[in-house]
Structure formats: structure tokens, C-alpha cells
């Protein structure tokens, strides 16, 4: 009697596990995939607009320094 109860419980557990795995696979496969981050200047400008003015000035300073360094290196 005890063996029958244990095997019934094992079958139930296996069935629940299989149904759960299939449901998870279905959800993963049907999930709409979005790009991780939009590329290009528009995304950079949106990011820059979201910064505080102090942070924005720092980023602009860094960009200016890089541009000046690149201009010197290309001469």
C-alpha cells in the first residue's frame, strides 16, 4: 500500500513538473523580444537629456576632450 502511494505521488510530481516545464518553454518562446538598447545618436541624446545638468556638463566635457585628442592624433 505504501509503495502504491509513493509511486502515485511520484507520477503526480512528474506530471506537474512536465506541465510546468512546457508552460515555461511556451512563455519564453512567445515572449516579445525587444532590442537591449536602441543604437545611434537618438539614444545618446535621450540618455543625455535624462542626466542632471552637472552630469550633462561632465559628459560634454569628456566628449570635447576625446574629440580634441582625436583631432590631435589625426594631424
C-alpha atoms as a PDB file:
ATOM      1  CA  UNK A   1       0.000   0.000   0.000  1.00  0.00           C
ATOM      2  CA  UNK A   2       2.835   2.385   0.906  1.00  0.00           C
ATOM      3  CA  UNK A   3       4.643   1.668  -2.379  1.00  0.00           C
ATOM      4  CA  UNK A   4       1.491   2.413  -4.368  1.00  0.00           C
ATOM      5  CA  UNK A   5       1.063   5.776  -2.600  1.00  0.00           C
ATOM      6  CA  UNK A   6       4.712   6.666  -3.172  1.00  0.00           C
ATOM      7  CA  UNK A   7       4.565   5.803  -6.873  1.00  0.00           C
ATOM      8  CA  UNK A   8       1.310   7.740  -7.278  1.00  0.00           C
ATOM      9  CA  UNK A   9       2.958  10.739  -5.671  1.00  0.00           C
ATOM     10  CA  UNK A  10       5.977  10.351  -7.952  1.00  0.00           C
ATOM     11  CA  UNK A  11       3.732  10.232 -11.038  1.00  0.00           C
ATOM     12  CA  UNK A  12       1.853  13.318  -9.875  1.00  0.00           C
ATOM     13  CA  UNK A  13       5.121  15.164  -9.233  1.00  0.00           C
ATOM     14  CA  UNK A  14       6.450  14.158 -12.660  1.00  0.00           C
ATOM     15  CA  UNK A  15       3.238  15.328 -14.363  1.00  0.00           C
ATOM     16  CA  UNK A  16       3.320  18.689 -12.587  1.00  0.00           C
ATOM     17  CA  UNK A  17       6.999  19.076 -13.487  1.00  0.00           C
ATOM     18  CA  UNK A  18       6.392  18.327 -17.171  1.00  0.00           C
ATOM     19  CA  UNK A  19       3.427  20.704 -17.377  1.00  0.00           C
ATOM     20  CA  UNK A  20       5.448  23.436 -15.639  1.00  0.00           C
ATOM     21  CA  UNK A  21       8.408  22.942 -17.988  1.00  0.00           C
ATOM     22  CA  UNK A  22       6.160  23.087 -21.065  1.00  0.00           C
ATOM     23  CA  UNK A  23       4.443  26.222 -19.795  1.00  0.00           C
ATOM     24  CA  UNK A  24       7.780  27.904 -19.126  1.00  0.00           C
ATOM     25  CA  UNK A  25       9.095  26.938 -22.576  1.00  0.00           C
ATOM     26  CA  UNK A  26       5.918  28.291 -24.206  1.00  0.00           C
ATOM     27  CA  UNK A  27       6.189  31.608 -22.343  1.00  0.00           C
ATOM     28  CA  UNK A  28       9.869  32.021 -23.177  1.00  0.00           C
ATOM     29  CA  UNK A  29       9.342  31.258 -26.857  1.00  0.00           C
ATOM     30  CA  UNK A  30       6.339  33.548 -27.261  1.00  0.00           C
ATOM     31  CA  UNK A  31       7.783  36.473 -25.323  1.00  0.00           C
ATOM     32  CA  UNK A  32       8.256  39.542 -27.475  1.00  0.00           C
ATOM     33  CA  UNK A  33      11.921  40.347 -27.742  1.00  0.00           C
ATOM     34  CA  UNK A  34      12.975  43.977 -27.592  1.00  0.00           C
ATOM     35  CA  UNK A  35      16.436  45.189 -28.518  1.00  0.00           C
ATOM     36  CA  UNK A  36      18.629  45.661 -25.468  1.00  0.00           C
ATOM     37  CA  UNK A  37      19.177  49.302 -26.225  1.00  0.00           C
ATOM     38  CA  UNK A  38      18.367  51.420 -29.224  1.00  0.00           C
ATOM     39  CA  UNK A  39      21.510  52.387 -31.081  1.00  0.00           C
ATOM     40  CA  UNK A  40      22.528  55.667 -32.588  1.00  0.00           C
ATOM     41  CA  UNK A  41      22.567  59.342 -31.827  1.00  0.00           C
ATOM     42  CA  UNK A  42      18.895  59.461 -30.801  1.00  0.00           C
ATOM     43  CA  UNK A  43      19.527  57.045 -27.936  1.00  0.00           C
ATOM     44  CA  UNK A  44      22.568  59.021 -26.834  1.00  0.00           C
ATOM     45  CA  UNK A  45      20.607  62.274 -26.823  1.00  0.00           C
ATOM     46  CA  UNK A  46      17.775  60.688 -24.822  1.00  0.00           C
ATOM     47  CA  UNK A  47      20.323  59.444 -22.319  1.00  0.00           C
ATOM     48  CA  UNK A  48      21.975  62.843 -22.153  1.00  0.00           C
ATOM     49  CA  UNK A  49      18.626  64.581 -21.637  1.00  0.00           C
ATOM     50  CA  UNK A  50      17.892  62.266 -18.687  1.00  0.00           C
ATOM     51  CA  UNK A  51      21.050  63.365 -16.851  1.00  0.00           C
ATOM     52  CA  UNK A  52      21.227  66.219 -14.385  1.00  0.00           C
ATOM     53  CA  UNK A  53      22.817  69.427 -15.643  1.00  0.00           C
ATOM     54  CA  UNK A  54      26.029  68.747 -13.685  1.00  0.00           C
ATOM     55  CA  UNK A  55      26.324  65.241 -15.118  1.00  0.00           C
ATOM     56  CA  UNK A  56      25.446  66.528 -18.580  1.00  0.00           C
ATOM     57  CA  UNK A  57      28.257  69.091 -18.404  1.00  0.00           C
ATOM     58  CA  UNK A  58      30.695  66.374 -17.339  1.00  0.00           C
ATOM     59  CA  UNK A  59      29.719  64.162 -20.293  1.00  0.00           C
ATOM     60  CA  UNK A  60      30.025  67.079 -22.708  1.00  0.00           C
ATOM     61  CA  UNK A  61      33.467  67.891 -21.288  1.00  0.00           C
ATOM     62  CA  UNK A  62      34.551  64.277 -21.754  1.00  0.00           C
ATOM     63  CA  UNK A  63      33.273  64.265 -25.336  1.00  0.00           C
ATOM     64  CA  UNK A  64      35.067  67.526 -26.071  1.00  0.00           C
ATOM     65  CA  UNK A  65      38.320  66.110 -24.627  1.00  0.00           C
ATOM     66  CA  UNK A  66      38.020  62.952 -26.729  1.00  0.00           C
ATOM     67  CA  UNK A  67      37.272  64.947 -29.873  1.00  0.00           C
ATOM     68  CA  UNK A  68      40.270  67.228 -29.247  1.00  0.00           C
ATOM     69  CA  UNK A  69      42.515  64.209 -28.604  1.00  0.00           C
ATOM     70  CA  UNK A  70      41.310  62.533 -31.808  1.00  0.00           C
ATOM     71  CA  UNK A  71      41.875  65.735 -33.784  1.00  0.00           C
ATOM     72  CA  UNK A  72      45.457  65.982 -32.450  1.00  0.00           C
ATOM     73  CA  UNK A  73      46.134  62.313 -33.210  1.00  0.00           C
ATOM     74  CA  UNK A  74      44.832  62.650 -36.781  1.00  0.00           C
ATOM     75  CA  UNK A  75      47.103  65.581 -37.652  1.00  0.00           C
END
